[in-house]
C-alpha cells in the first residue's frame, strides 16, 4: 500500500459514512492494518448514523453500518456483545419493512441488500437470540415475496456492461442464502421453476456476466432441488467463459469492485473449476490492477483519490483485494 495509515485515517473525515462509498469502508480497510486506528474512526462515524436518514440498505445505509460493526467485532477491533449496538439499527429496519409505505418505497436493489443482512444476522449467534429468529424469518419472507412481486422481465435481462449490481445474479445468490437457513424452501423453489424460461440457456453476451451468472447458478443448485436442466446450463456456462477475454478485454483498466477486476477475482474464488489455477489468476489480476492507468491516477492525483476512496468505486476496495490476492498466494489456495 502506497499510503500511510495516517493518510487513510484522514480520508475517513469525509461526510459520507456509508460502507461502500464512504468512511465505513475506510474503517474496514484500517481494520486490516491498524485495529486501534479502525476503532478510533468507528467511534467517530457511529455518532453520525442519523445522517443516513433512515436509509436501511447495505451500500449507503444502516445495514452497511451494522455489517461493519459485526466485521469489526469478529476481527477483535472491539470486544463485548454487539446486540445493544445494533438494536437501534434493527428496530429501524423492522419499522421500515412492516410499514406499508416503507415497504412499497423499497427498491428491489435495497430489498436484496436488506434481505442479505437479515440472513447474516439470523445466522449470527452473538447477535441474535433464539426468541427473535421467528421475527427475522417473517421479515425475510416479506422481502422474498416483494422481490418476486416487483421484479420485471426487463430487470432480469442480460446487460451489455459488467456491473456487480446486475439484479439477476444478486437475486439468485441471496435466495440461495435464504434457502440455506431452511425456511421458505418450497415457495422459493416453486418461484424459481416459474422463472426458468427467463434464466436457463440464456448465454450472456459478456464473458464477465457469464461468470457472474455461473456463481449465482452454482449457489442455487447447491441449495435447492431443481431439474437437471439447471446443471446442464451451469456446465454450458463453464465451457463458454474465456478468462483472457474477461481480464484483457472486457475489464481492461477497469479495476474497481463495482465494475471491474476487483470483483472478478472474488467471483473466480467461488468456482471450483478455477481452484487449481486461482494463485496464477490472482497474480495476473494483481499485476493488471497495479499497472492500470486508473490506479496510477489514484496514486498521483490527491483530489481524484479523495473522490474515489470507497470500497465499491475507489482505493479502499482495490487495496483490500490486493491484500486478499497476496494472502491467497501465500496460503497456496
C-alpha atoms as a PDB file:
ATOM      1  CA  UNK A   1       0.000   0.000   0.000  1.00  0.00           C
ATOM      2  CA  UNK A   2       1.452   3.360  -1.069  1.00  0.00           C
ATOM      3  CA  UNK A   3      -0.274   5.452   1.585  1.00  0.00           C
ATOM      4  CA  UNK A   4       0.411   5.860   5.279  1.00  0.00           C
ATOM      5  CA  UNK A   5      -2.094   4.820   7.918  1.00  0.00           C
ATOM      6  CA  UNK A   6      -2.422   8.486   8.864  1.00  0.00           C
ATOM      7  CA  UNK A   7      -3.383   9.426   5.300  1.00  0.00           C
ATOM      8  CA  UNK A   8      -6.013   6.689   5.140  1.00  0.00           C
ATOM      9  CA  UNK A   9      -7.383   7.742   8.536  1.00  0.00           C
ATOM     10  CA  UNK A  10      -7.571  11.349   7.366  1.00  0.00           C
ATOM     11  CA  UNK A  11      -9.733  10.361   4.407  1.00  0.00           C
ATOM     12  CA  UNK A  12     -12.280   8.956   6.886  1.00  0.00           C
ATOM     13  CA  UNK A  13     -13.259  12.504   7.827  1.00  0.00           C
ATOM     14  CA  UNK A  14     -15.424  12.773   4.696  1.00  0.00           C
ATOM     15  CA  UNK A  15     -19.133  13.420   5.223  1.00  0.00           C
ATOM     16  CA  UNK A  16     -20.228  10.151   3.619  1.00  0.00           C
ATOM     17  CA  UNK A  17     -20.157   7.444   6.310  1.00  0.00           C
ATOM     18  CA  UNK A  18     -21.552   4.618   4.157  1.00  0.00           C
ATOM     19  CA  UNK A  19     -19.936   1.189   3.902  1.00  0.00           C
ATOM     20  CA  UNK A  20     -19.497   1.020   0.153  1.00  0.00           C
ATOM     21  CA  UNK A  21     -18.661   4.623  -0.730  1.00  0.00           C
ATOM     22  CA  UNK A  22     -17.580   6.353   2.472  1.00  0.00           C
ATOM     23  CA  UNK A  23     -15.902   6.305   5.879  1.00  0.00           C
ATOM     24  CA  UNK A  24     -17.160   2.864   6.923  1.00  0.00           C
ATOM     25  CA  UNK A  25     -15.271   1.318   4.017  1.00  0.00           C
ATOM     26  CA  UNK A  26     -12.140   3.187   5.091  1.00  0.00           C
ATOM     27  CA  UNK A  27     -12.667   1.839   8.608  1.00  0.00           C
ATOM     28  CA  UNK A  28     -12.851  -1.691   7.194  1.00  0.00           C
ATOM     29  CA  UNK A  29      -9.540  -1.226   5.383  1.00  0.00           C
ATOM     30  CA  UNK A  30      -7.938   0.158   8.555  1.00  0.00           C
ATOM     31  CA  UNK A  31      -9.115  -2.917  10.479  1.00  0.00           C
ATOM     32  CA  UNK A  32      -6.727  -4.954   8.320  1.00  0.00           C
ATOM     33  CA  UNK A  33      -3.813  -2.629   9.060  1.00  0.00           C
ATOM     34  CA  UNK A  34      -4.210  -0.988  12.461  1.00  0.00           C
ATOM     35  CA  UNK A  35      -7.048  -2.020  14.799  1.00  0.00           C
ATOM     36  CA  UNK A  36      -6.596   0.998  17.094  1.00  0.00           C
ATOM     37  CA  UNK A  37      -6.969   3.416  14.189  1.00  0.00           C
ATOM     38  CA  UNK A  38     -10.009   1.472  12.976  1.00  0.00           C
ATOM     39  CA  UNK A  39     -11.628   1.757  16.399  1.00  0.00           C
ATOM     40  CA  UNK A  40     -10.894   5.479  16.512  1.00  0.00           C
ATOM     41  CA  UNK A  41     -12.571   6.005  13.139  1.00  0.00           C
ATOM     42  CA  UNK A  42     -15.531   3.818  14.115  1.00  0.00           C
ATOM     43  CA  UNK A  43     -16.133   5.754  17.349  1.00  0.00           C
ATOM     44  CA  UNK A  44     -16.478   8.934  15.280  1.00  0.00           C
ATOM     45  CA  UNK A  45     -18.667   7.592  12.479  1.00  0.00           C
ATOM     46  CA  UNK A  46     -21.134   5.759  14.752  1.00  0.00           C
ATOM     47  CA  UNK A  47     -22.159   9.166  16.105  1.00  0.00           C
ATOM     48  CA  UNK A  48     -23.183  10.200  12.585  1.00  0.00           C
ATOM     49  CA  UNK A  49     -25.697   7.455  11.763  1.00  0.00           C
ATOM     50  CA  UNK A  50     -28.548   9.975  11.856  1.00  0.00           C
ATOM     51  CA  UNK A  51     -27.119  11.464   8.654  1.00  0.00           C
ATOM     52  CA  UNK A  52     -28.318   8.317   6.845  1.00  0.00           C
ATOM     53  CA  UNK A  53     -31.930   9.496   7.390  1.00  0.00           C
ATOM     54  CA  UNK A  54     -33.346   6.020   7.888  1.00  0.00           C
ATOM     55  CA  UNK A  55     -31.806   4.536   4.721  1.00  0.00           C
ATOM     56  CA  UNK A  56     -31.633   0.829   5.535  1.00  0.00           C
ATOM     57  CA  UNK A  57     -29.657  -0.708   2.655  1.00  0.00           C
ATOM     58  CA  UNK A  58     -26.079  -2.003   2.753  1.00  0.00           C
ATOM     59  CA  UNK A  59     -24.393   0.254   0.234  1.00  0.00           C
ATOM     60  CA  UNK A  60     -25.113   3.611   1.810  1.00  0.00           C
ATOM     61  CA  UNK A  61     -27.435   2.854   4.703  1.00  0.00           C
ATOM     62  CA  UNK A  62     -27.825   1.393   8.161  1.00  0.00           C
ATOM     63  CA  UNK A  63     -27.467  -2.278   7.198  1.00  0.00           C
ATOM     64  CA  UNK A  64     -23.992  -1.471   5.901  1.00  0.00           C
ATOM     65  CA  UNK A  65     -23.060   0.152   9.211  1.00  0.00           C
ATOM     66  CA  UNK A  66     -24.397  -2.902  11.048  1.00  0.00           C
ATOM     67  CA  UNK A  67     -22.303  -5.267   8.914  1.00  0.00           C
ATOM     68  CA  UNK A  68     -19.262  -3.122   9.652  1.00  0.00           C
ATOM     69  CA  UNK A  69     -19.956  -3.463  13.386  1.00  0.00           C
ATOM     70  CA  UNK A  70     -20.192  -7.243  13.037  1.00  0.00           C
ATOM     71  CA  UNK A  71     -16.995  -7.405  10.982  1.00  0.00           C
ATOM     72  CA  UNK A  72     -15.017  -5.213  13.407  1.00  0.00           C
ATOM     73  CA  UNK A  73     -16.247  -7.328  16.301  1.00  0.00           C
ATOM     74  CA  UNK A  74     -15.178 -10.534  14.549  1.00  0.00           C
ATOM     75  CA  UNK A  75     -11.730  -9.038  13.893  1.00  0.00           C
ATOM     76  CA  UNK A  76     -11.333  -8.110  17.550  1.00  0.00           C
ATOM     77  CA  UNK A  77     -11.342  -4.345  16.960  1.00  0.00           C
ATOM     78  CA  UNK A  78     -13.659  -4.101  19.960  1.00  0.00           C
ATOM     79  CA  UNK A  79     -14.931  -6.651  22.454  1.00  0.00           C
ATOM     80  CA  UNK A  80     -18.222  -7.277  24.236  1.00  0.00           C
ATOM     81  CA  UNK A  81     -21.715  -8.003  22.994  1.00  0.00           C
ATOM     82  CA  UNK A  82     -22.804  -6.160  19.862  1.00  0.00           C
ATOM     83  CA  UNK A  83     -26.565  -6.695  20.196  1.00  0.00           C
ATOM     84  CA  UNK A  84     -27.016  -3.432  22.110  1.00  0.00           C
ATOM     85  CA  UNK A  85     -25.020  -1.514  19.484  1.00  0.00           C
ATOM     86  CA  UNK A  86     -27.201  -2.875  16.667  1.00  0.00           C
ATOM     87  CA  UNK A  87     -30.607  -2.789  18.337  1.00  0.00           C
ATOM     88  CA  UNK A  88     -31.495   0.696  17.071  1.00  0.00           C
ATOM     89  CA  UNK A  89     -30.497  -0.223  13.528  1.00  0.00           C
ATOM     90  CA  UNK A  90     -32.540  -3.427  13.643  1.00  0.00           C
ATOM     91  CA  UNK A  91     -35.551  -1.521  15.001  1.00  0.00           C
ATOM     92  CA  UNK A  92     -35.354   0.929  12.093  1.00  0.00           C
ATOM     93  CA  UNK A  93     -35.179  -1.921   9.581  1.00  0.00           C
ATOM     94  CA  UNK A  94     -38.143  -3.645  11.249  1.00  0.00           C
ATOM     95  CA  UNK A  95     -40.277  -0.482  11.182  1.00  0.00           C
ATOM     96  CA  UNK A  96     -39.490   0.131   7.508  1.00  0.00           C
ATOM     97  CA  UNK A  97     -40.331  -3.390   6.340  1.00  0.00           C
ATOM     98  CA  UNK A  98     -43.523  -3.725   8.389  1.00  0.00           C
ATOM     99  CA  UNK A  99     -44.769  -0.281   7.350  1.00  0.00           C
ATOM    100  CA  UNK A 100     -46.758  -0.457   4.118  1.00  0.00           C
ATOM    101  CA  UNK A 101     -45.419   2.851   2.826  1.00  0.00           C
ATOM    102  CA  UNK A 102     -41.844   1.997   3.757  1.00  0.00           C
ATOM    103  CA  UNK A 103     -42.048  -1.421   2.113  1.00  0.00           C
ATOM    104  CA  UNK A 104     -43.686  -0.122  -1.069  1.00  0.00           C
ATOM    105  CA  UNK A 105     -40.968   2.519  -1.481  1.00  0.00           C
ATOM    106  CA  UNK A 106     -38.168  -0.003  -1.007  1.00  0.00           C
ATOM    107  CA  UNK A 107     -36.427  -0.587  -4.332  1.00  0.00           C
ATOM    108  CA  UNK A 108     -35.546  -4.133  -5.394  1.00  0.00           C
ATOM    109  CA  UNK A 109     -31.823  -3.434  -5.001  1.00  0.00           C
ATOM    110  CA  UNK A 110     -32.424  -2.238  -1.441  1.00  0.00           C
ATOM    111  CA  UNK A 111     -34.683  -5.215  -0.692  1.00  0.00           C
ATOM    112  CA  UNK A 112     -31.924  -7.601  -1.843  1.00  0.00           C
ATOM    113  CA  UNK A 113     -29.374  -5.901   0.394  1.00  0.00           C
ATOM    114  CA  UNK A 114     -31.617  -5.851   3.474  1.00  0.00           C
ATOM    115  CA  UNK A 115     -32.521  -9.492   2.844  1.00  0.00           C
ATOM    116  CA  UNK A 116     -28.816 -10.350   2.742  1.00  0.00           C
ATOM    117  CA  UNK A 117     -28.290  -8.502   6.023  1.00  0.00           C
ATOM    118  CA  UNK A 118     -31.175 -10.326   7.709  1.00  0.00           C
ATOM    119  CA  UNK A 119     -29.798 -13.693   6.614  1.00  0.00           C
ATOM    120  CA  UNK A 120     -26.377 -12.803   8.010  1.00  0.00           C
ATOM    121  CA  UNK A 121     -27.649 -11.713  11.419  1.00  0.00           C
ATOM    122  CA  UNK A 122     -30.101 -14.605  11.700  1.00  0.00           C
ATOM    123  CA  UNK A 123     -27.135 -16.973  11.420  1.00  0.00           C
ATOM    124  CA  UNK A 124     -25.104 -14.962  13.920  1.00  0.00           C
ATOM    125  CA  UNK A 125     -25.201 -16.388  17.426  1.00  0.00           C
ATOM    126  CA  UNK A 126     -23.585 -13.369  19.056  1.00  0.00           C
ATOM    127  CA  UNK A 127     -26.127 -11.009  17.514  1.00  0.00           C
ATOM    128  CA  UNK A 128     -29.392 -12.866  17.742  1.00  0.00           C
ATOM    129  CA  UNK A 129     -31.136 -14.924  20.398  1.00  0.00           C
ATOM    130  CA  UNK A 130     -33.499 -17.794  19.527  1.00  0.00           C
ATOM    131  CA  UNK A 131     -36.608 -15.843  20.557  1.00  0.00           C
ATOM    132  CA  UNK A 132     -36.114 -13.284  17.780  1.00  0.00           C
ATOM    133  CA  UNK A 133     -35.476 -15.771  14.967  1.00  0.00           C
ATOM    134  CA  UNK A 134     -39.149 -16.138  14.057  1.00  0.00           C
ATOM    135  CA  UNK A 135     -39.462 -12.372  13.666  1.00  0.00           C
ATOM    136  CA  UNK A 136     -36.481 -12.308  11.322  1.00  0.00           C
ATOM    137  CA  UNK A 137     -37.918 -15.251   9.392  1.00  0.00           C
ATOM    138  CA  UNK A 138     -41.117 -13.299   8.828  1.00  0.00           C
ATOM    139  CA  UNK A 139     -39.196 -10.229   7.618  1.00  0.00           C
ATOM    140  CA  UNK A 140     -37.255 -12.484   5.250  1.00  0.00           C
ATOM    141  CA  UNK A 141     -40.496 -13.943   3.866  1.00  0.00           C
ATOM    142  CA  UNK A 142     -41.892 -10.447   3.305  1.00  0.00           C
ATOM    143  CA  UNK A 143     -38.797  -9.365   1.381  1.00  0.00           C
ATOM    144  CA  UNK A 144     -38.642 -12.555  -0.733  1.00  0.00           C
ATOM    145  CA  UNK A 145     -42.272 -12.040  -1.765  1.00  0.00           C
ATOM    146  CA  UNK A 146     -41.633  -8.380  -2.537  1.00  0.00           C
ATOM    147  CA  UNK A 147     -38.703  -9.209  -4.809  1.00  0.00           C
ATOM    148  CA  UNK A 148     -40.718 -11.755  -6.786  1.00  0.00           C
ATOM    149  CA  UNK A 149     -43.743  -9.464  -6.985  1.00  0.00           C
ATOM    150  CA  UNK A 150     -41.800  -6.388  -8.133  1.00  0.00           C
ATOM    151  CA  UNK A 151     -39.186  -7.848 -10.467  1.00  0.00           C
ATOM    152  CA  UNK A 152     -39.778  -7.325 -14.194  1.00  0.00           C
ATOM    153  CA  UNK A 153     -38.601  -9.264 -17.233  1.00  0.00           C
ATOM    154  CA  UNK A 154     -36.528  -6.265 -18.298  1.00  0.00           C
ATOM    155  CA  UNK A 155     -34.674  -6.224 -14.988  1.00  0.00           C
ATOM    156  CA  UNK A 156     -33.747  -9.901 -15.365  1.00  0.00           C
ATOM    157  CA  UNK A 157     -32.462  -9.431 -18.908  1.00  0.00           C
ATOM    158  CA  UNK A 158     -28.817  -9.590 -19.945  1.00  0.00           C
ATOM    159  CA  UNK A 159     -26.789  -6.370 -19.788  1.00  0.00           C
ATOM    160  CA  UNK A 160     -24.161  -5.035 -22.169  1.00  0.00           C
ATOM    161  CA  UNK A 161     -21.846  -3.990 -19.358  1.00  0.00           C
ATOM    162  CA  UNK A 162     -20.455  -5.837 -16.367  1.00  0.00           C
ATOM    163  CA  UNK A 163     -21.611  -4.412 -13.045  1.00  0.00           C
ATOM    164  CA  UNK A 164     -21.892  -6.060  -9.662  1.00  0.00           C
ATOM    165  CA  UNK A 165     -25.380  -4.585  -9.234  1.00  0.00           C
ATOM    166  CA  UNK A 166     -26.842  -6.759 -12.037  1.00  0.00           C
ATOM    167  CA  UNK A 167     -30.124  -7.872 -10.430  1.00  0.00           C
ATOM    168  CA  UNK A 168     -30.491 -11.472 -11.664  1.00  0.00           C
ATOM    169  CA  UNK A 169     -27.313 -12.927 -10.099  1.00  0.00           C
ATOM    170  CA  UNK A 170     -27.846 -10.885  -6.947  1.00  0.00           C
ATOM    171  CA  UNK A 171     -31.351 -12.303  -6.537  1.00  0.00           C
ATOM    172  CA  UNK A 172     -30.197 -15.892  -7.080  1.00  0.00           C
ATOM    173  CA  UNK A 173     -27.304 -15.529  -4.630  1.00  0.00           C
ATOM    174  CA  UNK A 174     -29.384 -14.012  -1.840  1.00  0.00           C
ATOM    175  CA  UNK A 175     -32.135 -16.615  -2.363  1.00  0.00           C
ATOM    176  CA  UNK A 176     -29.537 -19.375  -2.012  1.00  0.00           C
ATOM    177  CA  UNK A 177     -28.607 -17.890   1.360  1.00  0.00           C
ATOM    178  CA  UNK A 178     -32.262 -17.858   2.427  1.00  0.00           C
ATOM    179  CA  UNK A 179     -32.596 -21.488   1.346  1.00  0.00           C
ATOM    180  CA  UNK A 180     -29.564 -22.389   3.450  1.00  0.00           C
ATOM    181  CA  UNK A 181     -31.446 -21.117   6.506  1.00  0.00           C
ATOM    182  CA  UNK A 182     -34.019 -23.841   5.852  1.00  0.00           C
ATOM    183  CA  UNK A 183     -37.001 -21.503   5.565  1.00  0.00           C
ATOM    184  CA  UNK A 184     -39.467 -20.766   2.747  1.00  0.00           C
ATOM    185  CA  UNK A 185     -37.799 -23.503   0.698  1.00  0.00           C
ATOM    186  CA  UNK A 186     -40.871 -24.867  -1.091  1.00  0.00           C
ATOM    187  CA  UNK A 187     -42.075 -21.382  -2.033  1.00  0.00           C
ATOM    188  CA  UNK A 188     -38.688 -20.237  -3.368  1.00  0.00           C
ATOM    189  CA  UNK A 189     -38.107 -23.415  -5.383  1.00  0.00           C
ATOM    190  CA  UNK A 190     -41.586 -23.082  -6.920  1.00  0.00           C
ATOM    191  CA  UNK A 191     -40.888 -19.476  -7.894  1.00  0.00           C
ATOM    192  CA  UNK A 192     -37.515 -20.410  -9.373  1.00  0.00           C
ATOM    193  CA  UNK A 193     -39.172 -23.034 -11.553  1.00  0.00           C
ATOM    194  CA  UNK A 194     -41.546 -20.368 -12.850  1.00  0.00           C
ATOM    195  CA  UNK A 195     -38.559 -18.202 -13.735  1.00  0.00           C
ATOM    196  CA  UNK A 196     -36.700 -20.970 -15.585  1.00  0.00           C
ATOM    197  CA  UNK A 197     -37.643 -19.693 -19.100  1.00  0.00           C
ATOM    198  CA  UNK A 198     -36.141 -16.299 -18.219  1.00  0.00           C
ATOM    199  CA  UNK A 199     -32.934 -17.731 -16.770  1.00  0.00           C
ATOM    200  CA  UNK A 200     -31.871 -21.011 -18.372  1.00  0.00           C
ATOM    201  CA  UNK A 201     -29.995 -21.255 -21.679  1.00  0.00           C
ATOM    202  CA  UNK A 202     -29.631 -17.513 -21.978  1.00  0.00           C
ATOM    203  CA  UNK A 203     -25.970 -17.008 -22.852  1.00  0.00           C
ATOM    204  CA  UNK A 204     -24.876 -13.553 -21.645  1.00  0.00           C
ATOM    205  CA  UNK A 205     -23.004 -11.522 -24.226  1.00  0.00           C
ATOM    206  CA  UNK A 206     -20.139 -10.600 -21.920  1.00  0.00           C
ATOM    207  CA  UNK A 207     -17.922 -13.352 -20.503  1.00  0.00           C
ATOM    208  CA  UNK A 208     -17.745 -11.401 -17.231  1.00  0.00           C
ATOM    209  CA  UNK A 209     -21.527 -11.612 -16.910  1.00  0.00           C
ATOM    210  CA  UNK A 210     -21.364 -15.329 -17.741  1.00  0.00           C
ATOM    211  CA  UNK A 211     -19.010 -15.724 -14.784  1.00  0.00           C
ATOM    212  CA  UNK A 212     -21.329 -13.756 -12.508  1.00  0.00           C
ATOM    213  CA  UNK A 213     -24.345 -15.844 -13.541  1.00  0.00           C
ATOM    214  CA  UNK A 214     -22.262 -19.020 -13.127  1.00  0.00           C
ATOM    215  CA  UNK A 215     -21.545 -18.146  -9.499  1.00  0.00           C
ATOM    216  CA  UNK A 216     -25.240 -17.453  -8.863  1.00  0.00           C
ATOM    217  CA  UNK A 217     -26.456 -20.601 -10.602  1.00  0.00           C
ATOM    218  CA  UNK A 218     -23.904 -22.707  -8.703  1.00  0.00           C
ATOM    219  CA  UNK A 219     -25.127 -21.423  -5.351  1.00  0.00           C
ATOM    220  CA  UNK A 220     -28.782 -22.043  -6.217  1.00  0.00           C
ATOM    221  CA  UNK A 221     -28.048 -25.604  -7.375  1.00  0.00           C
ATOM    222  CA  UNK A 222     -26.316 -26.300  -4.060  1.00  0.00           C
ATOM    223  CA  UNK A 223     -29.305 -25.016  -2.087  1.00  0.00           C
ATOM    224  CA  UNK A 224     -32.395 -26.205  -3.975  1.00  0.00           C
ATOM    225  CA  UNK A 225     -33.526 -29.390  -5.714  1.00  0.00           C
ATOM    226  CA  UNK A 226     -34.066 -28.308  -9.307  1.00  0.00           C
ATOM    227  CA  UNK A 227     -34.317 -30.040 -12.675  1.00  0.00           C
ATOM    228  CA  UNK A 228     -31.186 -31.365 -14.383  1.00  0.00           C
ATOM    229  CA  UNK A 229     -31.519 -28.507 -16.852  1.00  0.00           C
ATOM    230  CA  UNK A 230     -30.006 -26.172 -14.224  1.00  0.00           C
ATOM    231  CA  UNK A 231     -26.881 -28.342 -14.031  1.00  0.00           C
ATOM    232  CA  UNK A 232     -26.760 -28.520 -17.812  1.00  0.00           C
ATOM    233  CA  UNK A 233     -26.962 -24.737 -18.023  1.00  0.00           C
ATOM    234  CA  UNK A 234     -24.205 -24.419 -15.437  1.00  0.00           C
ATOM    235  CA  UNK A 235     -21.930 -26.684 -17.477  1.00  0.00           C
ATOM    236  CA  UNK A 236     -22.722 -24.702 -20.614  1.00  0.00           C
ATOM    237  CA  UNK A 237     -21.590 -21.527 -18.861  1.00  0.00           C
ATOM    238  CA  UNK A 238     -18.375 -23.187 -17.602  1.00  0.00           C
ATOM    239  CA  UNK A 239     -17.497 -24.260 -21.142  1.00  0.00           C
ATOM    240  CA  UNK A 240     -18.128 -20.816 -22.629  1.00  0.00           C
ATOM    241  CA  UNK A 241     -16.144 -18.493 -20.380  1.00  0.00           C
ATOM    242  CA  UNK A 242     -12.823 -17.048 -21.505  1.00  0.00           C
ATOM    243  CA  UNK A 243     -10.793 -15.624 -18.621  1.00  0.00           C
ATOM    244  CA  UNK A 244      -8.464 -13.970 -21.106  1.00  0.00           C
ATOM    245  CA  UNK A 245     -11.365 -12.101 -22.647  1.00  0.00           C
ATOM    246  CA  UNK A 246     -12.637 -11.024 -19.212  1.00  0.00           C
ATOM    247  CA  UNK A 247      -9.271  -9.828 -17.882  1.00  0.00           C
ATOM    248  CA  UNK A 248      -7.633  -8.467 -21.027  1.00  0.00           C
ATOM    249  CA  UNK A 249     -10.631  -7.124 -22.970  1.00  0.00           C
ATOM    250  CA  UNK A 250     -13.863  -6.594 -21.036  1.00  0.00           C
ATOM    251  CA  UNK A 251     -12.238  -5.420 -17.788  1.00  0.00           C
ATOM    252  CA  UNK A 252      -9.094  -3.870 -19.219  1.00  0.00           C
ATOM    253  CA  UNK A 253      -8.204  -0.919 -16.952  1.00  0.00           C
ATOM    254  CA  UNK A 254     -11.444  -1.466 -15.008  1.00  0.00           C
ATOM    255  CA  UNK A 255     -10.149  -2.123 -11.514  1.00  0.00           C
ATOM    256  CA  UNK A 256     -12.968  -1.301  -9.102  1.00  0.00           C
ATOM    257  CA  UNK A 257     -15.243  -3.695  -7.265  1.00  0.00           C
ATOM    258  CA  UNK A 258     -18.413  -2.282  -8.797  1.00  0.00           C
ATOM    259  CA  UNK A 259     -17.465  -2.987 -12.406  1.00  0.00           C
ATOM    260  CA  UNK A 260     -14.001  -4.474 -12.735  1.00  0.00           C
ATOM    261  CA  UNK A 261     -11.193  -6.823 -11.800  1.00  0.00           C
ATOM    262  CA  UNK A 262     -11.582  -6.494  -8.025  1.00  0.00           C
ATOM    263  CA  UNK A 263     -14.980  -8.218  -8.035  1.00  0.00           C
ATOM    264  CA  UNK A 264     -13.994 -10.566 -10.880  1.00  0.00           C
ATOM    265  CA  UNK A 265     -11.346 -12.069  -8.596  1.00  0.00           C
ATOM    266  CA  UNK A 266     -13.895 -12.665  -5.828  1.00  0.00           C
ATOM    267  CA  UNK A 267     -16.236 -14.363  -8.304  1.00  0.00           C
ATOM    268  CA  UNK A 268     -13.483 -16.655  -9.565  1.00  0.00           C
ATOM    269  CA  UNK A 269     -12.715 -17.762  -5.997  1.00  0.00           C
ATOM    270  CA  UNK A 270     -16.286 -19.109  -5.757  1.00  0.00           C
ATOM    271  CA  UNK A 271     -15.995 -21.543  -8.685  1.00  0.00           C
ATOM    272  CA  UNK A 272     -14.357 -24.961  -8.039  1.00  0.00           C
ATOM    273  CA  UNK A 273     -13.236 -25.270 -11.678  1.00  0.00           C
ATOM    274  CA  UNK A 274     -10.760 -22.411 -11.092  1.00  0.00           C
ATOM    275  CA  UNK A 275      -9.405 -23.592  -7.724  1.00  0.00           C
ATOM    276  CA  UNK A 276      -6.256 -25.188  -9.140  1.00  0.00           C
ATOM    277  CA  UNK A 277      -5.310 -22.030 -11.031  1.00  0.00           C
ATOM    278  CA  UNK A 278      -6.509 -19.320  -8.638  1.00  0.00           C
ATOM    279  CA  UNK A 279      -2.969 -18.445  -7.497  1.00  0.00           C
ATOM    280  CA  UNK A 280      -1.828 -17.859 -11.093  1.00  0.00           C
ATOM    281  CA  UNK A 281      -5.039 -15.990 -11.940  1.00  0.00           C
ATOM    282  CA  UNK A 282      -4.606 -13.809  -8.869  1.00  0.00           C
ATOM    283  CA  UNK A 283      -1.062 -12.918  -9.944  1.00  0.00           C
ATOM    284  CA  UNK A 284      -2.311 -11.856 -13.381  1.00  0.00           C
ATOM    285  CA  UNK A 285      -5.159  -9.784 -11.960  1.00  0.00           C
ATOM    286  CA  UNK A 286      -2.906  -8.205  -9.347  1.00  0.00           C
ATOM    287  CA  UNK A 287      -0.361  -7.155 -11.987  1.00  0.00           C
ATOM    288  CA  UNK A 288      -3.083  -5.748 -14.224  1.00  0.00           C
ATOM    289  CA  UNK A 289      -4.509  -3.702 -11.354  1.00  0.00           C
ATOM    290  CA  UNK A 290      -1.060  -2.487 -10.291  1.00  0.00           C
ATOM    291  CA  UNK A 291      -0.183  -1.461 -13.856  1.00  0.00           C
ATOM    292  CA  UNK A 292      -3.550   0.122 -14.663  1.00  0.00           C
ATOM    293  CA  UNK A 293      -3.890   3.759 -15.658  1.00  0.00           C
ATOM    294  CA  UNK A 294      -6.701   4.116 -13.128  1.00  0.00           C
ATOM    295  CA  UNK A 295      -4.599   3.061 -10.137  1.00  0.00           C
ATOM    296  CA  UNK A 296      -1.775   5.308 -11.365  1.00  0.00           C
ATOM    297  CA  UNK A 297      -4.213   8.227 -11.419  1.00  0.00           C
ATOM    298  CA  UNK A 298      -5.475   7.356  -7.931  1.00  0.00           C
ATOM    299  CA  UNK A 299      -1.956   7.309  -6.555  1.00  0.00           C
ATOM    300  CA  UNK A 300      -0.790  10.512  -8.243  1.00  0.00           C
ATOM    301  CA  UNK A 301      -3.857  12.759  -8.044  1.00  0.00           C
ATOM    302  CA  UNK A 302      -4.920  13.508  -4.466  1.00  0.00           C
ATOM    303  CA  UNK A 303      -8.114  15.356  -5.416  1.00  0.00           C
ATOM    304  CA  UNK A 304      -9.193  12.473  -7.642  1.00  0.00           C
ATOM    305  CA  UNK A 305      -8.263   9.982  -4.911  1.00  0.00           C
ATOM    306  CA  UNK A 306     -10.404  11.737  -2.298  1.00  0.00           C
ATOM    307  CA  UNK A 307     -13.411  11.347  -4.589  1.00  0.00           C
ATOM    308  CA  UNK A 308     -12.578   7.697  -5.267  1.00  0.00           C
ATOM    309  CA  UNK A 309     -11.843   6.307  -1.825  1.00  0.00           C
ATOM    310  CA  UNK A 310     -14.688   3.835  -1.203  1.00  0.00           C
ATOM    311  CA  UNK A 311     -14.983   0.054  -1.281  1.00  0.00           C
ATOM    312  CA  UNK A 312     -17.119  -0.160  -4.415  1.00  0.00           C
ATOM    313  CA  UNK A 313     -15.663   2.584  -6.562  1.00  0.00           C
ATOM    314  CA  UNK A 314     -12.362   3.548  -5.017  1.00  0.00           C
ATOM    315  CA  UNK A 315      -8.992   2.936  -3.494  1.00  0.00           C
ATOM    316  CA  UNK A 316     -10.108   1.052  -0.353  1.00  0.00           C
ATOM    317  CA  UNK A 317     -11.761  -1.698  -2.357  1.00  0.00           C
ATOM    318  CA  UNK A 318      -8.706  -2.101  -4.579  1.00  0.00           C
ATOM    319  CA  UNK A 319      -6.305  -2.243  -1.635  1.00  0.00           C
ATOM    320  CA  UNK A 320      -8.411  -4.885   0.136  1.00  0.00           C
ATOM    321  CA  UNK A 321      -8.495  -7.073  -2.990  1.00  0.00           C
ATOM    322  CA  UNK A 322      -4.729  -6.755  -3.475  1.00  0.00           C
ATOM    323  CA  UNK A 323      -4.268  -7.808   0.174  1.00  0.00           C
ATOM    324  CA  UNK A 324      -6.574 -10.804  -0.383  1.00  0.00           C
ATOM    325  CA  UNK A 325      -4.715 -11.898  -3.514  1.00  0.00           C
ATOM    326  CA  UNK A 326      -1.418 -11.695  -1.635  1.00  0.00           C
ATOM    327  CA  UNK A 327      -2.887 -13.703   1.238  1.00  0.00           C
ATOM    328  CA  UNK A 328      -4.303 -16.345  -1.111  1.00  0.00           C
ATOM    329  CA  UNK A 329      -0.933 -16.610  -2.835  1.00  0.00           C
ATOM    330  CA  UNK A 330       0.918 -17.133   0.446  1.00  0.00           C
ATOM    331  CA  UNK A 331      -1.649 -19.711   1.582  1.00  0.00           C
ATOM    332  CA  UNK A 332      -1.320 -21.531  -1.705  1.00  0.00           C
ATOM    333  CA  UNK A 333      -5.058 -21.917  -2.349  1.00  0.00           C
END
